[in-house]
Structures are given as C-alpha cells and as structure tokens.
Amino acid sequence: MHSNMKKIMVVDDEKDLLALVKGYLKRAGYDVAVTTTCKEGAHILASFKPNLIFLDINVGSEDGRQMCKQIKSLAEHKHIPIILISANDDSLATYKEYDADSFLKKPFQPSQLLEVAASFLYPDLRA
C-alpha cells in the first residue's frame, strides 16, 4: 500500500449505495472506509484519518449535518473536506451552515462522485 493513496470515508445508512460508492472509489484508486452510522464514523475518522468525507444527511436516526459540524469543530479534523449527500434539495441548500465544503445530490452518477472527489483531493489539477 503506497502512502500517497488518498483516503475517503463514506457515511450512509443505505448499504446498497455504500457498496456501489465504495466500488467506484476503489476502482478509481482510493483507499475507502465506509460505515452506516455517524457513531462508527467518528471512530473510523480517528484511526483511518481520511483526506475526504462523503456524509449522508440522513444516517438512520442520526443527522449527518450535526456530525459534519462536530468534525469541523475539531482542530485536527477541520481541514478535511466534507461533502454532504442527500436527495433533498432543501437540506442541501443549507450545507454551508453546517460547515460542509460541498454537496452531492442523490441520485448521482459515478462520474459526478469521482469528479467531486478529485476536485477536493487534487485541487491543483482543476482546469
């Protein structure tokens, strides 16, 4: 495992979507950790140290936006870009209030997912 491999954490309670997203990202060369709960996400965050986080807004009974705010309030994690995911336009419109860096609307194409990931992980490659 070479150390310059970028790491992405994905938090979403939809297991099917999680499996798909993990597959897309792994094929694109990323190291990926996934979880279906914010609680577990907090543990993964500490050990995995992702370079980017995709975070669903509705994670079962938990609110991904609160998790986002929490992560961004911690000095050692606030540099990590967080992309909120939701099918709900209204909740995505408020992403900045929760200190998220961007958002991705469901349903999304694999190409959109990879484009967003690359734009944050390799900002110097932006056209």
N, C-alpha and C. Protein backbone atom coordinates (compact mmCIF):
# COMPACT_ATOMS: atom_id res chain seq x y z
N MET A 1 0.86 -1.21 0.00
CA MET A 1 0.00 0.00 0.00
C MET A 1 0.88 1.25 0.00
N HIS A 2 0.84 2.03 -1.05
CA HIS A 2 1.69 3.21 -1.05
C HIS A 2 1.01 4.35 -0.30
N SER A 3 1.83 5.10 0.43
CA SER A 3 1.30 6.08 1.38
C SER A 3 0.64 7.29 0.73
N ASN A 4 0.88 7.49 -0.58
CA ASN A 4 0.27 8.67 -1.19
C ASN A 4 -1.14 8.36 -1.71
N MET A 5 -1.66 7.17 -1.39
CA MET A 5 -3.01 6.84 -1.79
C MET A 5 -3.98 7.68 -0.94
N LYS A 6 -4.87 8.38 -1.59
CA LYS A 6 -5.82 9.24 -0.87
C LYS A 6 -6.90 8.40 -0.21
N LYS A 7 -7.29 8.80 1.00
CA LYS A 7 -8.27 8.04 1.77
C LYS A 7 -9.61 8.78 1.87
N ILE A 8 -10.68 8.04 1.60
CA ILE A 8 -12.02 8.62 1.64
C ILE A 8 -12.91 7.82 2.58
N MET A 9 -13.63 8.53 3.44
CA MET A 9 -14.60 7.87 4.31
C MET A 9 -16.00 8.22 3.80
N VAL A 10 -16.87 7.21 3.74
CA VAL A 10 -18.25 7.44 3.30
C VAL A 10 -19.19 6.97 4.40
N VAL A 11 -20.09 7.86 4.81
CA VAL A 11 -21.07 7.54 5.84
C VAL A 11 -22.47 7.64 5.23
N ASP A 12 -23.16 6.50 5.14
CA ASP A 12 -24.50 6.47 4.58
C ASP A 12 -25.20 5.22 5.08
N ASP A 13 -26.46 5.34 5.46
CA ASP A 13 -27.14 4.16 6.02
C ASP A 13 -27.73 3.25 4.95
N GLU A 14 -27.63 3.65 3.67
CA GLU A 14 -28.11 2.77 2.60
C GLU A 14 -26.98 1.85 2.17
N LYS A 15 -27.05 0.60 2.62
CA LYS A 15 -25.96 -0.36 2.37
C LYS A 15 -25.67 -0.58 0.88
N ASP A 16 -26.71 -0.61 0.05
CA ASP A 16 -26.51 -0.84 -1.39
C ASP A 16 -25.72 0.31 -2.00
N LEU A 17 -26.12 1.52 -1.65
CA LEU A 17 -25.44 2.71 -2.17
C LEU A 17 -23.98 2.72 -1.69
N LEU A 18 -23.81 2.38 -0.43
CA LEU A 18 -22.48 2.36 0.17
C LEU A 18 -21.56 1.41 -0.59
N ALA A 19 -22.08 0.23 -0.91
CA ALA A 19 -21.29 -0.77 -1.64
C ALA A 19 -20.91 -0.26 -3.03
N LEU A 20 -21.86 0.40 -3.70
CA LEU A 20 -21.59 0.95 -5.02
C LEU A 20 -20.52 2.04 -4.97
N VAL A 21 -20.73 2.97 -4.04
CA VAL A 21 -19.80 4.09 -3.90
C VAL A 21 -18.40 3.59 -3.57
N LYS A 22 -18.34 2.62 -2.67
CA LYS A 22 -17.04 2.06 -2.30
C LYS A 22 -16.36 1.46 -3.53
N GLY A 23 -17.13 0.74 -4.34
CA GLY A 23 -16.60 0.14 -5.56
C GLY A 23 -16.06 1.18 -6.53
N TYR A 24 -16.84 2.23 -6.76
CA TYR A 24 -16.43 3.29 -7.69
C TYR A 24 -15.12 3.92 -7.23
N LEU A 25 -15.07 4.26 -5.94
CA LEU A 25 -13.91 4.96 -5.41
C LEU A 25 -12.67 4.07 -5.40
N LYS A 26 -12.85 2.81 -5.04
CA LYS A 26 -11.71 1.88 -5.02
C LYS A 26 -11.15 1.68 -6.43
N ARG A 27 -12.06 1.53 -7.40
CA ARG A 27 -11.60 1.36 -8.79
C ARG A 27 -10.86 2.60 -9.28
N ALA A 28 -11.21 3.75 -8.71
CA ALA A 28 -10.54 4.99 -9.12
C ALA A 28 -9.21 5.16 -8.37
N GLY A 29 -8.87 4.18 -7.52
CA GLY A 29 -7.57 4.21 -6.87
C GLY A 29 -7.54 4.81 -5.47
N TYR A 30 -8.70 4.95 -4.86
CA TYR A 30 -8.73 5.50 -3.50
C TYR A 30 -8.80 4.38 -2.47
N ASP A 31 -8.31 4.68 -1.27
CA ASP A 31 -8.45 3.78 -0.13
C ASP A 31 -9.76 4.22 0.52
N VAL A 32 -10.70 3.30 0.72
CA VAL A 32 -12.03 3.69 1.18
C VAL A 32 -12.47 2.98 2.45
N ALA A 33 -13.04 3.75 3.37
CA ALA A 33 -13.64 3.18 4.57
C ALA A 33 -15.11 3.60 4.56
N VAL A 34 -16.02 2.66 4.82
CA VAL A 34 -17.44 3.00 4.82
C VAL A 34 -18.09 2.59 6.13
N THR A 35 -19.16 3.29 6.48
CA THR A 35 -19.91 2.94 7.68
C THR A 35 -21.36 3.39 7.51
N THR A 36 -22.26 2.73 8.23
CA THR A 36 -23.68 3.09 8.14
C THR A 36 -24.14 3.94 9.33
N THR A 37 -23.22 4.29 10.24
CA THR A 37 -23.63 5.14 11.37
C THR A 37 -22.61 6.26 11.61
N CYS A 38 -23.12 7.39 12.10
CA CYS A 38 -22.25 8.52 12.44
C CYS A 38 -21.34 8.13 13.61
N LYS A 39 -21.91 7.37 14.52
CA LYS A 39 -21.16 6.95 15.71
C LYS A 39 -19.91 6.18 15.30
N GLU A 40 -20.10 5.20 14.42
CA GLU A 40 -18.95 4.42 13.95
C GLU A 40 -18.03 5.30 13.12
N GLY A 41 -18.63 6.22 12.38
CA GLY A 41 -17.85 7.14 11.56
C GLY A 41 -16.85 7.92 12.39
N ALA A 42 -17.24 8.29 13.59
CA ALA A 42 -16.36 9.05 14.49
C ALA A 42 -15.14 8.22 14.87
N HIS A 43 -15.33 6.91 15.06
CA HIS A 43 -14.22 6.02 15.40
C HIS A 43 -13.29 5.85 14.20
N ILE A 44 -13.91 5.65 13.02
CA ILE A 44 -13.13 5.47 11.79
C ILE A 44 -12.30 6.72 11.52
N LEU A 45 -12.91 7.87 11.73
CA LEU A 45 -12.25 9.15 11.49
C LEU A 45 -10.92 9.21 12.23
N ALA A 46 -10.93 8.80 13.49
CA ALA A 46 -9.73 8.88 14.32
C ALA A 46 -8.62 7.94 13.85
N SER A 47 -9.01 6.71 13.48
CA SER A 47 -7.99 5.72 13.11
C SER A 47 -7.59 5.77 11.63
N PHE A 48 -8.58 6.00 10.77
CA PHE A 48 -8.36 5.96 9.31
C PHE A 48 -7.76 7.26 8.77
N LYS A 49 -8.08 8.38 9.44
CA LYS A 49 -7.61 9.70 9.02
C LYS A 49 -7.84 9.97 7.53
N PRO A 50 -9.11 10.07 7.14
CA PRO A 50 -9.42 10.29 5.72
C PRO A 50 -8.98 11.66 5.20
N ASN A 51 -8.77 11.74 3.88
CA ASN A 51 -8.44 13.01 3.24
C ASN A 51 -9.72 13.71 2.78
N LEU A 52 -10.83 12.96 2.79
CA LEU A 52 -12.11 13.47 2.29
C LEU A 52 -13.23 12.64 2.89
N ILE A 53 -14.36 13.29 3.15
CA ILE A 53 -15.51 12.56 3.71
C ILE A 53 -16.77 12.84 2.90
N PHE A 54 -17.46 11.76 2.51
CA PHE A 54 -18.79 11.89 1.91
C PHE A 54 -19.75 11.50 3.03
N LEU A 55 -20.67 12.39 3.35
CA LEU A 55 -21.53 12.20 4.51
C LEU A 55 -23.00 12.41 4.17
N ASP A 56 -23.79 11.36 4.34
CA ASP A 56 -25.21 11.46 4.06
C ASP A 56 -25.86 12.33 5.14
N ILE A 57 -26.87 13.09 4.77
CA ILE A 57 -27.53 13.95 5.76
C ILE A 57 -28.41 13.13 6.70
N ASN A 58 -29.14 12.16 6.14
CA ASN A 58 -29.99 11.32 6.99
C ASN A 58 -29.36 9.95 7.15
N VAL A 59 -28.66 9.77 8.27
CA VAL A 59 -27.99 8.49 8.53
C VAL A 59 -28.82 7.77 9.59
N GLY A 60 -29.83 7.03 9.11
CA GLY A 60 -30.74 6.38 10.05
C GLY A 60 -31.40 7.44 10.91
N SER A 61 -31.26 7.30 12.23
CA SER A 61 -31.87 8.29 13.13
C SER A 61 -30.90 9.44 13.43
N GLU A 62 -29.68 9.35 12.87
CA GLU A 62 -28.69 10.38 13.14
C GLU A 62 -28.69 11.44 12.03
N ASP A 63 -28.21 12.63 12.36
CA ASP A 63 -28.15 13.73 11.40
C ASP A 63 -26.70 13.96 10.99
N GLY A 64 -26.42 13.67 9.73
CA GLY A 64 -25.07 13.85 9.22
C GLY A 64 -24.58 15.28 9.31
N ARG A 65 -25.52 16.23 9.28
CA ARG A 65 -25.11 17.64 9.35
C ARG A 65 -24.50 17.95 10.71
N GLN A 66 -25.05 17.33 11.75
CA GLN A 66 -24.50 17.56 13.10
C GLN A 66 -23.10 16.96 13.18
N MET A 67 -22.95 15.78 12.57
CA MET A 67 -21.63 15.15 12.56
C MET A 67 -20.63 16.03 11.82
N CYS A 68 -21.07 16.60 10.72
CA CYS A 68 -20.22 17.48 9.92
C CYS A 68 -19.73 18.65 10.77
N LYS A 69 -20.67 19.29 11.47
CA LYS A 69 -20.35 20.44 12.31
C LYS A 69 -19.35 20.03 13.39
N GLN A 70 -19.58 18.85 13.94
CA GLN A 70 -18.72 18.34 15.01
C GLN A 70 -17.29 18.12 14.52
N ILE A 71 -17.18 17.46 13.36
CA ILE A 71 -15.85 17.19 12.80
C ILE A 71 -15.12 18.50 12.53
N LYS A 72 -15.85 19.45 11.95
CA LYS A 72 -15.24 20.73 11.59
C LYS A 72 -14.87 21.58 12.80
N SER A 73 -15.43 21.22 13.96
CA SER A 73 -15.13 22.00 15.16
C SER A 73 -13.84 21.50 15.84
N LEU A 74 -13.33 20.36 15.36
CA LEU A 74 -12.12 19.79 15.95
C LEU A 74 -10.89 20.23 15.14
N ALA A 75 -9.96 20.83 15.83
CA ALA A 75 -8.77 21.37 15.15
C ALA A 75 -8.06 20.34 14.28
N GLU A 76 -7.96 19.10 14.76
CA GLU A 76 -7.19 18.11 13.99
C GLU A 76 -7.93 17.58 12.77
N HIS A 77 -9.23 17.89 12.67
CA HIS A 77 -10.01 17.38 11.53
C HIS A 77 -10.61 18.47 10.66
N LYS A 78 -10.54 19.73 11.10
CA LYS A 78 -11.31 20.74 10.37
C LYS A 78 -10.82 21.00 8.95
N HIS A 79 -9.61 20.53 8.62
CA HIS A 79 -9.08 20.71 7.27
C HIS A 79 -9.66 19.70 6.28
N ILE A 80 -10.31 18.64 6.80
CA ILE A 80 -10.81 17.58 5.92
C ILE A 80 -12.07 18.06 5.20
N PRO A 81 -12.05 18.04 3.87
CA PRO A 81 -13.26 18.46 3.14
C PRO A 81 -14.40 17.45 3.40
N ILE A 82 -15.60 17.99 3.62
CA ILE A 82 -16.76 17.14 3.83
C ILE A 82 -17.82 17.48 2.79
N ILE A 83 -18.29 16.45 2.09
CA ILE A 83 -19.34 16.63 1.08
C ILE A 83 -20.60 15.98 1.60
N LEU A 84 -21.64 16.77 1.80
CA LEU A 84 -22.92 16.22 2.28
C LEU A 84 -23.68 15.62 1.10
N ILE A 85 -24.34 14.49 1.36
CA ILE A 85 -25.12 13.81 0.31
C ILE A 85 -26.59 13.78 0.74
N SER A 86 -27.49 14.09 -0.18
CA SER A 86 -28.91 13.98 0.12
C SER A 86 -29.74 14.01 -1.15
N ALA A 87 -30.93 13.45 -1.07
CA ALA A 87 -31.86 13.52 -2.19
C ALA A 87 -32.73 14.76 -2.04
N ASN A 88 -32.62 15.39 -0.88
CA ASN A 88 -33.47 16.52 -0.54
C ASN A 88 -32.79 17.86 -0.84
N ASP A 89 -33.33 18.59 -1.80
CA ASP A 89 -32.75 19.88 -2.19
C ASP A 89 -32.68 20.87 -1.04
N ASP A 90 -33.74 20.92 -0.24
CA ASP A 90 -33.80 21.89 0.85
C ASP A 90 -32.68 21.68 1.85
N SER A 91 -32.43 20.42 2.20
CA SER A 91 -31.38 20.19 3.18
C SER A 91 -30.01 20.45 2.58
N LEU A 92 -29.86 20.26 1.28
CA LEU A 92 -28.56 20.53 0.65
C LEU A 92 -28.30 22.02 0.54
N ALA A 93 -29.36 22.79 0.41
CA ALA A 93 -29.20 24.24 0.26
C ALA A 93 -28.53 24.87 1.48
N THR A 94 -28.64 24.20 2.62
CA THR A 94 -28.09 24.76 3.86
C THR A 94 -26.72 24.20 4.21
N TYR A 95 -26.08 23.51 3.26
CA TYR A 95 -24.83 22.81 3.60
C TYR A 95 -23.78 23.72 4.25
N LYS A 96 -23.72 24.98 3.82
CA LYS A 96 -22.70 25.89 4.37
C LYS A 96 -22.91 26.18 5.86
N GLU A 97 -24.17 26.15 6.28
CA GLU A 97 -24.46 26.40 7.70
C GLU A 97 -23.86 25.34 8.59
N TYR A 98 -23.58 24.19 8.01
CA TYR A 98 -23.03 23.09 8.80
C TYR A 98 -21.54 22.91 8.53
N ASP A 99 -20.94 23.94 7.92
CA ASP A 99 -19.51 23.96 7.63
C ASP A 99 -19.06 22.92 6.60
N ALA A 100 -20.01 22.37 5.85
CA ALA A 100 -19.64 21.40 4.80
C ALA A 100 -18.98 22.16 3.66
N ASP A 101 -18.13 21.47 2.90
CA ASP A 101 -17.42 22.10 1.81
C ASP A 101 -18.19 22.08 0.50
N SER A 102 -19.05 21.08 0.36
CA SER A 102 -19.83 20.97 -0.85
C SER A 102 -20.94 19.96 -0.63
N PHE A 103 -21.69 19.65 -1.69
CA PHE A 103 -22.76 18.67 -1.56
C PHE A 103 -22.90 17.90 -2.85
N LEU A 104 -23.52 16.75 -2.75
CA LEU A 104 -23.78 15.89 -3.89
C LEU A 104 -25.23 15.44 -3.77
N LYS A 105 -25.99 15.68 -4.83
CA LYS A 105 -27.41 15.33 -4.77
C LYS A 105 -27.64 13.90 -5.25
N LYS A 106 -28.44 13.17 -4.49
CA LYS A 106 -28.83 11.81 -4.90
C LYS A 106 -30.01 11.92 -5.85
N PRO A 107 -30.16 11.05 -6.81
CA PRO A 107 -29.16 10.04 -7.20
C PRO A 107 -28.07 10.71 -8.03
N PHE A 108 -26.84 10.24 -7.91
CA PHE A 108 -25.75 10.82 -8.68
C PHE A 108 -25.08 9.75 -9.54
N GLN A 109 -24.40 10.22 -10.57
CA GLN A 109 -23.67 9.32 -11.47
C GLN A 109 -22.30 9.05 -10.86
N PRO A 110 -21.72 7.88 -11.14
CA PRO A 110 -20.38 7.60 -10.65
C PRO A 110 -19.40 8.70 -11.08
N SER A 111 -19.59 9.21 -12.30
CA SER A 111 -18.68 10.26 -12.79
C SER A 111 -18.75 11.52 -11.93
N GLN A 112 -19.97 11.84 -11.44
CA GLN A 112 -20.11 13.03 -10.59
C GLN A 112 -19.38 12.82 -9.28
N LEU A 113 -19.55 11.63 -8.72
CA LEU A 113 -18.91 11.28 -7.46
C LEU A 113 -17.39 11.43 -7.58
N LEU A 114 -16.84 10.87 -8.65
CA LEU A 114 -15.39 10.89 -8.85
C LEU A 114 -14.88 12.30 -9.14
N GLU A 115 -15.71 13.07 -9.83
CA GLU A 115 -15.33 14.44 -10.16
C GLU A 115 -15.23 15.29 -8.89
N VAL A 116 -16.22 15.14 -8.02
CA VAL A 116 -16.22 15.88 -6.76
C VAL A 116 -15.03 15.46 -5.90
N ALA A 117 -14.80 14.15 -5.81
CA ALA A 117 -13.68 13.65 -5.01
C ALA A 117 -12.37 14.24 -5.52
N ALA A 118 -12.16 14.15 -6.83
CA ALA A 118 -10.91 14.64 -7.42
C ALA A 118 -10.74 16.14 -7.23
N SER A 119 -11.84 16.88 -7.30
CA SER A 119 -11.72 18.34 -7.20
C SER A 119 -11.23 18.76 -5.81
N PHE A 120 -11.53 17.95 -4.79
CA PHE A 120 -11.05 18.27 -3.44
C PHE A 120 -9.71 17.64 -3.12
N LEU A 121 -9.48 16.44 -3.65
CA LEU A 121 -8.24 15.74 -3.33
C LEU A 121 -7.07 16.18 -4.19
N TYR A 122 -7.40 16.65 -5.40
CA TYR A 122 -6.34 17.12 -6.30
C TYR A 122 -6.70 18.49 -6.84
N PRO A 123 -6.84 19.48 -5.97
CA PRO A 123 -7.31 20.80 -6.39
C PRO A 123 -6.40 21.45 -7.42
N ASP A 124 -5.12 21.10 -7.40
CA ASP A 124 -4.19 21.71 -8.35
C ASP A 124 -4.39 21.19 -9.77
N LEU A 125 -5.19 20.14 -9.92
CA LEU A 125 -5.45 19.61 -11.26
C LEU A 125 -6.70 20.24 -11.87
N ARG A 126 -7.37 21.10 -11.09
CA ARG A 126 -8.58 21.74 -11.63
C ARG A 126 -8.24 22.55 -12.86
N ALA A 127 -9.12 22.45 -13.84
CA ALA A 127 -8.87 23.20 -15.09
C ALA A 127 -8.98 24.69 -14.86
